[in-house]
Amino acid sequence: MLNPLAQAEEPRSYDRRFYGRALLVAFIVIILCAGFVTYRFVFSTGEQVSPARFDLGSLSAAGTRALPDPSNPCMVLQEYLELLSRKSDERAYGYLCESLKKEVSLDEFVANSRKNSLLFRDVERYKFSRYSVDGTAAGASGYIEYGAGGRSLVEAAFAREKDSWRIALVTVVYQ
């Protein structure tokens, strides 16, 4: 009796059709993947925004080992500025205190943000070295540093509402 591995059989017609179709499907998948990769690298013009670096040094008082306060006014301000740099104006509007929202409507806020959008482009990092808390009021000052050089002075006042800091006033001046 012969060894089954030593026997050679001619492929049947349905085997040939199956292998031909499998090769055709594999070839189509390779073409589609190559097309997708080419489109992604050559034709995609989406602007990728790198995340700005937050200043975490302001979270705890100098010389103390206390755990940082996540509702620190400096962090609230940095999150607000980051939202403005990402053009999330509606979310940034939510960081304002109620008295400021009564004075400035969402439409006015968005218009002002779009008008001053150059202040929030190419942000490299935030540096907020000074803040003070006095009961339900707080203040912070620091800088926005830009990737192309230069910086803007940022000064802010806060009001405590519902156990979190809300922005009462922000001034950003390019230097």
C-alpha atoms as a PDB file:
ATOM      1  CA  MET A   1       0.000   0.000   0.000  1.00  0.00           C
ATOM      2  CA  LEU A   2       1.255   3.449  -0.857  1.00  0.00           C
ATOM      3  CA  ASN A   3       1.816   6.234   1.613  1.00  0.00           C
ATOM      4  CA  PRO A   4      -1.016   8.811   1.291  1.00  0.00           C
ATOM      5  CA  LEU A   5       1.512  11.657   1.375  1.00  0.00           C
ATOM      6  CA  ALA A   6       3.364  10.248  -1.619  1.00  0.00           C
ATOM      7  CA  GLN A   7       0.248  10.132  -3.740  1.00  0.00           C
ATOM      8  CA  ALA A   8      -0.434  13.152  -5.905  1.00  0.00           C
ATOM      9  CA  GLU A   9      -3.873  13.997  -7.108  1.00  0.00           C
ATOM     10  CA  GLU A  10      -4.881  16.442  -9.745  1.00  0.00           C
ATOM     11  CA  PRO A  11      -6.840  19.376  -8.210  1.00  0.00           C
ATOM     12  CA  ARG A  12     -10.532  19.191  -8.897  1.00  0.00           C
ATOM     13  CA  SER A  13     -12.300  22.020 -10.713  1.00  0.00           C
ATOM     14  CA  TYR A  14     -14.124  23.264  -7.606  1.00  0.00           C
ATOM     15  CA  ASP A  15     -10.758  23.402  -5.743  1.00  0.00           C
ATOM     16  CA  ARG A  16      -9.318  25.571  -8.514  1.00  0.00           C
ATOM     17  CA  ARG A  17     -12.302  27.938  -8.394  1.00  0.00           C
ATOM     18  CA  PHE A  18     -12.102  28.205  -4.564  1.00  0.00           C
ATOM     19  CA  TYR A  19      -8.378  29.039  -4.579  1.00  0.00           C
ATOM     20  CA  GLY A  20      -8.843  31.502  -7.425  1.00  0.00           C
ATOM     21  CA  ARG A  21     -11.604  33.315  -5.555  1.00  0.00           C
ATOM     22  CA  ALA A  22      -9.574  33.345  -2.325  1.00  0.00           C
ATOM     23  CA  LEU A  23      -6.628  34.916  -4.177  1.00  0.00           C
ATOM     24  CA  LEU A  24      -8.936  37.475  -5.796  1.00  0.00           C
ATOM     25  CA  VAL A  25     -10.436  38.477  -2.412  1.00  0.00           C
ATOM     26  CA  ALA A  26      -6.948  38.751  -0.844  1.00  0.00           C
ATOM     27  CA  PHE A  27      -5.800  40.926  -3.760  1.00  0.00           C
ATOM     28  CA  ILE A  28      -8.844  43.239  -3.382  1.00  0.00           C
ATOM     29  CA  VAL A  29      -8.252  43.573   0.389  1.00  0.00           C
ATOM     30  CA  ILE A  30      -4.600  44.484  -0.215  1.00  0.00           C
ATOM     31  CA  ILE A  31      -5.603  47.103  -2.817  1.00  0.00           C
ATOM     32  CA  LEU A  32      -8.207  48.611  -0.439  1.00  0.00           C
ATOM     33  CA  CYS A  33      -5.701  48.777   2.447  1.00  0.00           C
ATOM     34  CA  ALA A  34      -3.068  50.391   0.224  1.00  0.00           C
ATOM     35  CA  GLY A  35      -5.642  52.925  -0.975  1.00  0.00           C
ATOM     36  CA  PHE A  36      -6.706  53.776   2.560  1.00  0.00           C
ATOM     37  CA  VAL A  37      -3.099  54.215   3.739  1.00  0.00           C
ATOM     38  CA  THR A  38      -2.302  56.386   0.717  1.00  0.00           C
ATOM     39  CA  TYR A  39      -5.341  58.565   1.329  1.00  0.00           C
ATOM     40  CA  ARG A  40      -4.528  58.886   5.027  1.00  0.00           C
ATOM     41  CA  PHE A  41      -0.930  60.000   4.505  1.00  0.00           C
ATOM     42  CA  VAL A  42      -1.213  61.991   1.293  1.00  0.00           C
ATOM     43  CA  PHE A  43      -4.661  63.511   1.076  1.00  0.00           C
ATOM     44  CA  SER A  44      -5.706  63.907   4.695  1.00  0.00           C
ATOM     45  CA  THR A  45      -5.217  67.553   5.685  1.00  0.00           C
ATOM     46  CA  GLY A  46      -6.698  67.370   9.172  1.00  0.00           C
ATOM     47  CA  GLU A  47      -4.823  69.570  11.613  1.00  0.00           C
ATOM     48  CA  GLN A  48      -3.536  67.604  14.557  1.00  0.00           C
ATOM     49  CA  VAL A  49      -3.451  69.540  17.794  1.00  0.00           C
ATOM     50  CA  SER A  50      -0.939  68.474  20.378  1.00  0.00           C
ATOM     51  CA  PRO A  51      -2.141  68.763  23.947  1.00  0.00           C
ATOM     52  CA  ALA A  52      -0.838  71.760  25.828  1.00  0.00           C
ATOM     53  CA  ARG A  53       1.220  71.200  28.928  1.00  0.00           C
ATOM     54  CA  PHE A  54      -0.579  72.135  32.105  1.00  0.00           C
ATOM     55  CA  ASP A  55       1.300  73.775  34.971  1.00  0.00           C
ATOM     56  CA  LEU A  56       0.895  71.311  37.816  1.00  0.00           C
ATOM     57  CA  GLY A  57       3.405  73.154  40.020  1.00  0.00           C
ATOM     58  CA  SER A  58       0.715  75.520  41.255  1.00  0.00           C
ATOM     59  CA  LEU A  59      -1.361  72.715  42.735  1.00  0.00           C
ATOM     60  CA  SER A  60       0.308  72.564  46.133  1.00  0.00           C
ATOM     61  CA  ALA A  61       1.773  75.336  48.214  1.00  0.00           C
ATOM     62  CA  ALA A  62       5.559  75.582  48.153  1.00  0.00           C
ATOM     63  CA  GLY A  63       7.299  73.601  50.882  1.00  0.00           C
ATOM     64  CA  THR A  64       4.246  71.527  51.827  1.00  0.00           C
ATOM     65  CA  ARG A  65       3.535  67.877  51.214  1.00  0.00           C
ATOM     66  CA  ALA A  66      -0.227  68.313  51.139  1.00  0.00           C
ATOM     67  CA  LEU A  67      -2.119  66.596  48.372  1.00  0.00           C
ATOM     68  CA  PRO A  68      -3.079  68.949  45.563  1.00  0.00           C
ATOM     69  CA  ASP A  69      -6.584  70.335  45.382  1.00  0.00           C
ATOM     70  CA  PRO A  70      -8.171  69.265  42.063  1.00  0.00           C
ATOM     71  CA  SER A  71     -10.465  72.291  42.192  1.00  0.00           C
ATOM     72  CA  ASN A  72      -7.500  74.669  42.405  1.00  0.00           C
ATOM     73  CA  PRO A  73      -8.389  77.929  40.633  1.00  0.00           C
ATOM     74  CA  CYS A  74      -5.252  77.679  38.477  1.00  0.00           C
ATOM     75  CA  MET A  75      -6.384  74.315  37.103  1.00  0.00           C
ATOM     76  CA  VAL A  76      -9.866  75.654  36.405  1.00  0.00           C
ATOM     77  CA  LEU A  77      -8.302  78.564  34.502  1.00  0.00           C
ATOM     78  CA  GLN A  78      -5.984  76.285  32.524  1.00  0.00           C
ATOM     79  CA  GLU A  79      -8.871  74.002  31.554  1.00  0.00           C
ATOM     80  CA  TYR A  80     -10.867  77.066  30.459  1.00  0.00           C
ATOM     81  CA  LEU A  81      -7.973  78.387  28.339  1.00  0.00           C
ATOM     82  CA  GLU A  82      -7.403  74.949  26.831  1.00  0.00           C
ATOM     83  CA  LEU A  83     -11.062  74.753  25.789  1.00  0.00           C
ATOM     84  CA  LEU A  84     -10.733  78.153  24.121  1.00  0.00           C
ATOM     85  CA  SER A  85      -7.609  77.025  22.253  1.00  0.00           C
ATOM     86  CA  ARG A  86      -9.510  73.955  20.996  1.00  0.00           C
ATOM     87  CA  LYS A  87     -12.441  76.157  19.939  1.00  0.00           C
ATOM     88  CA  SER A  88     -14.846  74.507  22.399  1.00  0.00           C
ATOM     89  CA  ASP A  89     -16.458  77.840  23.206  1.00  0.00           C
ATOM     90  CA  GLU A  90     -19.758  76.435  24.470  1.00  0.00           C
ATOM     91  CA  ARG A  91     -17.975  74.238  27.023  1.00  0.00           C
ATOM     92  CA  ALA A  92     -15.683  77.128  28.039  1.00  0.00           C
ATOM     93  CA  TYR A  93     -18.773  79.291  28.616  1.00  0.00           C
ATOM     94  CA  GLY A  94     -19.824  76.766  31.277  1.00  0.00           C
ATOM     95  CA  TYR A  95     -16.787  77.750  33.390  1.00  0.00           C
ATOM     96  CA  LEU A  96     -18.101  81.298  33.874  1.00  0.00           C
ATOM     97  CA  CYS A  97     -19.854  82.294  37.106  1.00  0.00           C
ATOM     98  CA  GLU A  98     -23.591  82.995  37.035  1.00  0.00           C
ATOM     99  CA  SER A  99     -23.219  86.768  37.470  1.00  0.00           C
ATOM    100  CA  LEU A 100     -20.916  86.945  34.429  1.00  0.00           C
ATOM    101  CA  LYS A 101     -23.293  84.782  32.390  1.00  0.00           C
ATOM    102  CA  LYS A 102     -26.052  87.321  33.128  1.00  0.00           C
ATOM    103  CA  GLU A 103     -23.897  90.078  31.624  1.00  0.00           C
ATOM    104  CA  VAL A 104     -22.565  88.130  28.618  1.00  0.00           C
ATOM    105  CA  SER A 105     -24.718  85.876  26.457  1.00  0.00           C
ATOM    106  CA  LEU A 106     -23.341  82.739  24.829  1.00  0.00           C
ATOM    107  CA  ASP A 107     -23.455  84.392  21.390  1.00  0.00           C
ATOM    108  CA  GLU A 108     -21.464  87.403  22.629  1.00  0.00           C
ATOM    109  CA  PHE A 109     -18.976  85.082  24.332  1.00  0.00           C
ATOM    110  CA  VAL A 110     -18.467  83.011  21.164  1.00  0.00           C
ATOM    111  CA  ALA A 111     -18.073  86.170  19.040  1.00  0.00           C
ATOM    112  CA  ASN A 112     -15.473  87.561  21.457  1.00  0.00           C
ATOM    113  CA  SER A 113     -13.646  84.237  21.545  1.00  0.00           C
ATOM    114  CA  ARG A 114     -13.488  84.057  17.727  1.00  0.00           C
ATOM    115  CA  LYS A 115     -12.287  87.667  17.560  1.00  0.00           C
ATOM    116  CA  ASN A 116      -9.442  86.913  20.001  1.00  0.00           C
ATOM    117  CA  SER A 117      -8.616  83.425  18.695  1.00  0.00           C
ATOM    118  CA  LEU A 118      -5.017  84.421  17.889  1.00  0.00           C
ATOM    119  CA  LEU A 119      -4.308  84.540  21.627  1.00  0.00           C
ATOM    120  CA  PHE A 120      -5.066  80.817  21.894  1.00  0.00           C
ATOM    121  CA  ARG A 121      -3.157  79.443  18.877  1.00  0.00           C
ATOM    122  CA  ASP A 122       0.044  77.424  19.136  1.00  0.00           C
ATOM    123  CA  VAL A 123      -0.103  77.181  22.938  1.00  0.00           C
ATOM    124  CA  GLU A 124       2.912  75.295  24.224  1.00  0.00           C
ATOM    125  CA  ARG A 125       2.352  75.469  27.981  1.00  0.00           C
ATOM    126  CA  TYR A 126       0.712  77.326  30.821  1.00  0.00           C
ATOM    127  CA  LYS A 127       2.622  78.730  33.801  1.00  0.00           C
ATOM    128  CA  PHE A 128       0.629  79.862  36.801  1.00  0.00           C
ATOM    129  CA  SER A 129       2.921  80.466  39.741  1.00  0.00           C
ATOM    130  CA  ARG A 130       0.684  82.743  41.821  1.00  0.00           C
ATOM    131  CA  TYR A 131      -2.791  82.308  43.174  1.00  0.00           C
ATOM    132  CA  SER A 132      -4.596  83.375  46.309  1.00  0.00           C
ATOM    133  CA  VAL A 133      -7.782  82.182  47.951  1.00  0.00           C
ATOM    134  CA  ASP A 134      -9.861  84.346  50.287  1.00  0.00           C
ATOM    135  CA  GLY A 135     -13.009  82.506  51.317  1.00  0.00           C
ATOM    136  CA  THR A 136     -15.348  82.409  48.320  1.00  0.00           C
ATOM    137  CA  ALA A 137     -13.113  84.566  46.119  1.00  0.00           C
ATOM    138  CA  ALA A 138      -9.790  83.735  44.493  1.00  0.00           C
ATOM    139  CA  GLY A 139      -7.319  85.221  42.068  1.00  0.00           C
ATOM    140  CA  ALA A 140      -4.612  83.782  39.818  1.00  0.00           C
ATOM    141  CA  SER A 141      -1.985  85.148  37.491  1.00  0.00           C
ATOM    142  CA  GLY A 142       0.475  83.547  35.134  1.00  0.00           C
ATOM    143  CA  TYR A 143       1.415  83.152  31.501  1.00  0.00           C
ATOM    144  CA  ILE A 144       0.480  81.336  28.322  1.00  0.00           C
ATOM    145  CA  GLU A 145       3.680  80.430  26.454  1.00  0.00           C
ATOM    146  CA  TYR A 146       3.552  79.891  22.691  1.00  0.00           C
ATOM    147  CA  GLY A 147       5.465  77.409  20.555  1.00  0.00           C
ATOM    148  CA  ALA A 148       6.700  80.107  18.192  1.00  0.00           C
ATOM    149  CA  GLY A 149       7.946  82.247  21.101  1.00  0.00           C
ATOM    150  CA  GLY A 150       6.314  84.972  23.084  1.00  0.00           C
ATOM    151  CA  ARG A 151       3.828  84.817  25.894  1.00  0.00           C
ATOM    152  CA  SER A 152       0.611  86.335  27.166  1.00  0.00           C
ATOM    153  CA  LEU A 153      -0.052  87.554  30.682  1.00  0.00           C
ATOM    154  CA  VAL A 154      -3.214  86.026  32.155  1.00  0.00           C
ATOM    155  CA  GLU A 155      -4.961  87.404  35.233  1.00  0.00           C
ATOM    156  CA  ALA A 156      -8.200  85.987  36.553  1.00  0.00           C
ATOM    157  CA  ALA A 157     -10.671  86.385  39.397  1.00  0.00           C
ATOM    158  CA  PHE A 158     -12.865  83.543  40.607  1.00  0.00           C
ATOM    159  CA  ALA A 159     -16.055  83.078  42.618  1.00  0.00           C
ATOM    160  CA  ARG A 160     -16.922  79.916  44.522  1.00  0.00           C
ATOM    161  CA  GLU A 161     -20.227  78.437  43.316  1.00  0.00           C
ATOM    162  CA  LYS A 162     -21.621  74.999  44.122  1.00  0.00           C
ATOM    163  CA  ASP A 163     -18.348  73.733  45.632  1.00  0.00           C
ATOM    164  CA  SER A 164     -16.268  74.636  42.568  1.00  0.00           C
ATOM    165  CA  TRP A 165     -14.462  77.685  41.251  1.00  0.00           C
ATOM    166  CA  ARG A 166     -16.122  79.658  38.470  1.00  0.00           C
ATOM    167  CA  ILE A 167     -14.448  82.407  36.466  1.00  0.00           C
ATOM    168  CA  ALA A 168     -15.609  85.923  37.307  1.00  0.00           C
ATOM    169  CA  LEU A 169     -13.086  87.840  35.166  1.00  0.00           C
ATOM    170  CA  VAL A 170     -10.234  86.937  32.806  1.00  0.00           C
ATOM    171  CA  THR A 171      -7.729  89.283  31.206  1.00  0.00           C
ATOM    172  CA  VAL A 172      -5.283  87.997  28.570  1.00  0.00           C
ATOM    173  CA  VAL A 173      -2.659  90.454  27.266  1.00  0.00           C
ATOM    174  CA  TYR A 174      -0.041  89.453  24.690  1.00  0.00           C
ATOM    175  CA  GLN A 175       3.439  90.656  25.644  1.00  0.00           C
END
